[in-house]
């Protein structure tokens, strides 16, 4: 099982890949998303998105500033105002 994860900014598509889990810095606290998560929307605060490629792997961290996260039938999409790097 894998989760489809997309990270986009107003200017470009930063990531589009299959991953195990993503942890997002929501404005109400961090939340983790796995395949099959219920539909959900949240605003994103400045911080790091943690991308786990597989179960038990060390996360890759991507620094983001603001935006929105949406979990739907197609997976997780994060629209960030800015992505470092």
Protein backbone atom coordinates (compact mmCIF):
# COMPACT_ATOMS: atom_id res chain seq x y z
CA UNK A 1 0.00 0.00 0.00
CA UNK A 2 1.25 3.46 -0.80
CA UNK A 3 0.03 7.02 -0.53
CA UNK A 4 0.12 9.35 -3.53
CA UNK A 5 1.75 12.60 -2.35
CA UNK A 6 1.93 15.86 -4.27
CA UNK A 7 3.63 19.03 -3.09
CA UNK A 8 2.93 22.12 -5.17
CA UNK A 9 3.57 25.85 -4.98
CA UNK A 10 1.81 28.53 -7.02
CA UNK A 11 4.81 28.40 -9.38
CA UNK A 12 5.54 24.68 -9.82
CA UNK A 13 4.99 21.03 -8.99
CA UNK A 14 7.68 20.19 -6.44
CA UNK A 15 6.89 16.50 -5.81
CA UNK A 16 4.59 13.81 -7.14
CA UNK A 17 5.40 10.37 -5.77
CA UNK A 18 4.20 7.25 -3.98
CA UNK A 19 5.24 7.17 -0.31
CA UNK A 20 4.42 5.30 2.90
CA UNK A 21 3.42 8.25 5.11
CA UNK A 22 3.61 12.04 5.27
CA UNK A 23 3.53 14.15 8.44
CA UNK A 24 2.27 17.70 7.86
CA UNK A 25 2.68 20.71 10.21
CA UNK A 26 -0.98 21.72 10.47
CA UNK A 27 -1.99 24.93 12.21
CA UNK A 28 -3.79 22.80 14.84
CA UNK A 29 -0.79 20.47 15.24
CA UNK A 30 1.09 17.90 13.20
CA UNK A 31 -0.91 15.16 11.50
CA UNK A 32 0.18 11.99 9.74
CA UNK A 33 -1.41 10.70 6.54
CA UNK A 34 -1.34 7.07 5.39
CA UNK A 35 -3.05 5.38 2.44
CA UNK A 36 -6.82 5.24 3.04
CA UNK A 37 -6.98 8.29 5.35
CA UNK A 38 -10.42 9.87 5.58
CA UNK A 39 -10.96 13.03 3.49
CA UNK A 40 -9.60 16.00 5.39
CA UNK A 41 -8.50 19.61 4.87
CA UNK A 42 -6.16 21.71 6.98
CA UNK A 43 -4.17 24.89 6.81
CA UNK A 44 -0.40 24.41 6.99
CA UNK A 45 1.88 26.44 9.24
CA UNK A 46 5.55 27.18 8.65
CA UNK A 47 7.58 24.07 9.41
CA UNK A 48 8.78 20.81 7.94
CA UNK A 49 6.82 18.18 6.05
CA UNK A 50 8.24 14.75 6.88
CA UNK A 51 8.11 12.24 4.02
CA UNK A 52 8.54 8.55 4.88
CA UNK A 53 9.35 6.58 1.70
CA UNK A 54 8.73 3.24 3.42
CA UNK A 55 7.67 1.88 6.81
CA UNK A 56 10.49 2.33 9.31
CA UNK A 57 12.57 4.60 7.07
CA UNK A 58 14.06 7.87 8.26
CA UNK A 59 11.98 10.82 7.08
CA UNK A 60 13.05 13.32 4.47
CA UNK A 61 12.21 16.83 5.67
CA UNK A 62 10.97 19.55 3.34
CA UNK A 63 10.68 23.06 4.79
CA UNK A 64 7.46 24.84 3.83
CA UNK A 65 5.83 28.18 4.60
CA UNK A 66 2.06 28.35 4.88
CA UNK A 67 -0.56 26.85 2.62
CA UNK A 68 -3.21 24.15 2.63
CA UNK A 69 -3.27 20.35 2.77
CA UNK A 70 -6.04 18.22 1.32
CA UNK A 71 -6.49 14.47 1.78
CA UNK A 72 -8.84 12.95 -0.77
CA UNK A 73 -9.45 9.80 -2.78
CA UNK A 74 -6.34 10.58 -4.86
CA UNK A 75 -4.06 10.91 -1.82
CA UNK A 76 -2.47 13.94 -0.16
CA UNK A 77 -1.92 17.28 -1.89
CA UNK A 78 -0.09 20.10 -0.12
CA UNK A 79 -0.31 23.54 -1.71
CA UNK A 80 2.47 25.49 -0.02
CA UNK A 81 3.00 29.23 -0.33
CA UNK A 82 6.77 28.62 -0.41
CA UNK A 83 9.08 25.57 -0.40
CA UNK A 84 12.75 25.95 0.50
CA UNK A 85 15.25 24.46 -1.91
